[in-house]
Amino acid sequence: MKEIWIIGTGRFGLLAAERLSEIHARHHLVLVDPDRENLLRGDGPNRTLEQMDGVSFLDQRLHSAKAPDWIIPALPIHLAAQWCLVRQDLKGLRRIEVPSEIDLLVPNPARDPAGNIYASHADFLCPDDCEEPADICTVTQKRRNTDMFDLLGRIRISKFQSLVVRSYQLGPGIGGYRPRQLFDLLKRVEKIEEDFLLSTACRCHSVMTGLGYR
């Protein structure tokens, strides 16, 4: 039996829980959200509910010796970036602005108020149950020339490195990563000496955050 952490129980977190329960009824799901009402909506068999901020939960509960099989980020922040910021706070890791030149290097870029940059191969609203085929878009049936995680891994911006956490498909419309990916990321972040772009990306979509030591 696998254990999967779903961080966030809004619409997409609850969809992930329901679909995973249908596909793998025996898997144990840990649902995390600070909002009790949202959290209770996700109650069900083989589930543990944790009323807690998602970043704090990951910081306090995620250990290399005892970790879940998968982590599903389903909250409106860049979880991997926020986790790194908490872990490296005493060493001075901070958010920094990403140069505007990134907008010319990724498809359909959009920035949020926190400074994160979202990019997508799609210029339309994707179905929430997309199964992420390896080479074509489920909507347009056109070939995807480059997976987003590969595209971002090759990006070169002046004085910036690019670090990418790949999100894997766990079910229709459900993306997640293994804990070891976060621990490997943190090792790289601890050694880095210049500003960097940290991204979480699947084949089609991504969220990017500029980080650096100050």
Foldseek 3Di string as FASTA:
>chain_A
DFEEEEEDQDPLSLVVLVFCCVVPVQYAYEYEELDPVSQVVNDDPNYHYHNDHRLVCCLPPDDPVDHTFWYFYDDPDDNLVSNLCVVCVVQAKDFDADDPVVVVQAAPWDADPVRKIKGFPDPDDADQQAQCDPFADPVPRDGDPFFPQVSQCPDDDPQEHEAEAEWDGPGGNTTIHGSVSSVVVSVVVVPDATKYWYWYGYRTMIMITIMHGD
